[in-house]
Amino acid sequence: MAKATFSLAFLPLLVMFLFFNSGIQKQANAADAVKTWCVAKPSANETQLGSNLEFACSQMKEGCKEIEFNGPCYMPNTTISRASYAMNLYYALSGRNPWNCDFSGTGLVTTTDPGYGPCVYA
């Protein structure tokens, strides 16, 4: 019976293959990673949004100072705008899982950055 032999001459090729293949995989993973944000659904009512705003801000260590008076995200001073900022902050700090943006069906995950001017969403 013939014995199978393994030549060490192929070892450098194997190492190069594994090295380059891992680099290609990392690039593919980076391209697949899509940034997401959580915003309030336009159909959500003021009461729901107010509850979302209150809940999300209560979960933050430093609250929602960016949407307070004279904060970079204070304007426009609408419930939907302020709730969207707070909901996104909660979503981002909770791991960006879809369920962290549900807010009883009033949240919406988007790939469009909702930030504007001086207001940067996490």
Protein backbone atom coordinates (compact mmCIF):
# COMPACT_ATOMS: atom_id res chain seq x y z
CA MET A 1 0.00 0.00 0.00
CA ALA A 2 1.36 3.41 -0.95
CA LYS A 3 1.80 5.96 1.80
CA ALA A 4 0.59 9.50 1.34
CA THR A 5 3.32 12.01 1.97
CA PHE A 6 3.03 15.68 2.73
CA SER A 7 5.68 17.95 1.32
CA LEU A 8 6.75 20.88 3.46
CA ALA A 9 7.32 22.82 0.25
CA PHE A 10 3.61 23.63 0.20
CA LEU A 11 3.60 25.04 3.73
CA PRO A 12 4.51 28.63 2.71
CA LEU A 13 1.74 28.56 0.09
CA LEU A 14 -0.75 27.38 2.67
CA VAL A 15 0.26 30.13 5.09
CA MET A 16 -0.02 32.77 2.34
CA PHE A 17 -3.44 31.46 1.33
CA LEU A 18 -4.74 31.59 4.89
CA PHE A 19 -3.27 35.06 5.43
CA PHE A 20 -4.73 36.58 2.27
CA ASN A 21 -8.04 34.78 2.63
CA SER A 22 -8.52 36.18 6.15
CA GLY A 23 -7.86 39.71 4.83
CA ILE A 24 -10.42 39.26 2.08
CA GLN A 25 -12.97 38.00 4.61
CA LYS A 26 -12.37 41.02 6.85
CA GLN A 27 -12.95 43.36 3.90
CA ALA A 28 -16.16 41.53 2.98
CA ASN A 29 -17.41 41.75 6.58
CA ALA A 30 -16.68 45.49 6.69
CA ALA A 31 -18.57 46.00 3.43
CA ASP A 32 -21.51 43.99 4.76
CA ALA A 33 -21.69 46.07 7.95
CA VAL A 34 -24.37 48.67 7.32
CA LYS A 35 -24.86 51.52 9.76
CA THR A 36 -28.33 51.70 11.24
CA TRP A 37 -30.26 54.17 13.36
CA CYS A 38 -33.57 54.05 15.21
CA VAL A 39 -36.16 56.76 14.67
CA ALA A 40 -39.79 57.27 15.60
CA LYS A 41 -42.40 56.19 13.07
CA PRO A 42 -44.19 59.19 11.59
CA SER A 43 -47.51 57.47 12.39
CA ALA A 44 -46.75 57.30 16.15
CA ASN A 45 -48.93 59.59 18.25
CA GLU A 46 -47.65 62.25 20.65
CA THR A 47 -48.52 60.23 23.76
CA GLN A 48 -46.54 57.21 22.56
CA LEU A 49 -43.59 59.37 21.57
CA GLY A 50 -43.64 61.17 24.90
CA SER A 51 -43.49 57.81 26.69
CA ASN A 52 -40.63 56.68 24.45
CA LEU A 53 -38.75 59.90 25.14
CA GLU A 54 -39.22 59.59 28.89
CA PHE A 55 -38.23 55.92 28.97
CA ALA A 56 -35.17 56.24 26.72
CA CYS A 57 -33.80 59.27 28.56
CA SER A 58 -34.33 57.59 31.94
CA GLN A 59 -32.12 54.71 30.80
CA MET A 60 -29.16 56.94 29.94
CA LYS A 61 -26.53 57.67 32.54
CA GLU A 62 -26.28 61.29 31.49
CA GLY A 63 -29.85 61.61 30.28
CA CYS A 64 -30.58 63.28 26.98
CA LYS A 65 -28.67 66.53 27.37
CA GLU A 66 -28.30 66.92 23.59
CA ILE A 67 -32.05 67.52 23.19
CA GLU A 68 -32.37 69.86 26.16
CA PHE A 69 -32.72 73.62 25.65
CA ASN A 70 -29.69 74.98 23.72
CA GLY A 71 -28.41 71.43 23.10
CA PRO A 72 -27.19 70.61 19.57
CA CYS A 73 -30.32 68.52 18.88
CA TYR A 74 -32.88 70.74 20.62
CA MET A 75 -34.20 72.15 17.35
CA PRO A 76 -36.58 71.39 15.89
CA ASN A 77 -38.34 71.27 19.22
CA THR A 78 -40.91 68.68 18.19
CA THR A 79 -41.86 65.52 20.03
CA ILE A 80 -41.04 63.29 17.05
CA SER A 81 -37.58 64.83 16.62
CA ARG A 82 -36.68 64.66 20.30
CA ALA A 83 -38.13 61.14 20.67
CA SER A 84 -36.19 59.96 17.62
CA TYR A 85 -32.94 61.21 19.12
CA ALA A 86 -33.63 59.55 22.48
CA MET A 87 -34.85 56.30 20.91
CA ASN A 88 -31.72 56.12 18.77
CA LEU A 89 -29.47 56.76 21.74
CA TYR A 90 -31.13 53.92 23.63
CA TYR A 91 -30.89 51.69 20.54
CA ALA A 92 -27.19 52.45 20.06
CA LEU A 93 -26.25 51.94 23.70
CA SER A 94 -28.26 48.71 23.87
CA GLY A 95 -26.39 47.02 21.04
CA ARG A 96 -28.31 48.11 17.92
CA ASN A 97 -30.57 45.08 18.04
CA PRO A 98 -33.86 45.43 16.14
CA TRP A 99 -35.82 44.71 19.33
CA ASN A 100 -34.15 47.71 21.00
CA CYS A 101 -35.92 49.92 18.47
CA ASP A 102 -39.40 48.46 18.76
CA PHE A 103 -40.84 50.79 21.41
CA SER A 104 -44.24 49.05 21.24
CA GLY A 105 -44.27 49.26 17.46
CA THR A 106 -43.45 52.97 17.25
CA GLY A 107 -39.75 52.67 16.31
CA LEU A 108 -38.25 52.19 12.87
CA VAL A 109 -34.71 51.02 12.02
CA THR A 110 -33.26 52.99 9.12
CA THR A 111 -30.02 53.07 7.13
CA THR A 112 -30.41 56.80 6.50
CA ASP A 113 -28.48 58.92 8.98
CA PRO A 114 -31.06 61.15 10.71
CA GLY A 115 -28.40 63.57 11.97
CA TYR A 116 -28.41 67.16 10.77
CA GLY A 117 -26.18 70.20 11.17
CA PRO A 118 -24.78 70.17 14.70
CA CYS A 119 -26.96 67.21 15.74
CA VAL A 120 -25.03 63.96 15.41
CA TYR A 121 -26.86 60.71 16.07
CA ALA A 122 -24.89 57.95 17.82
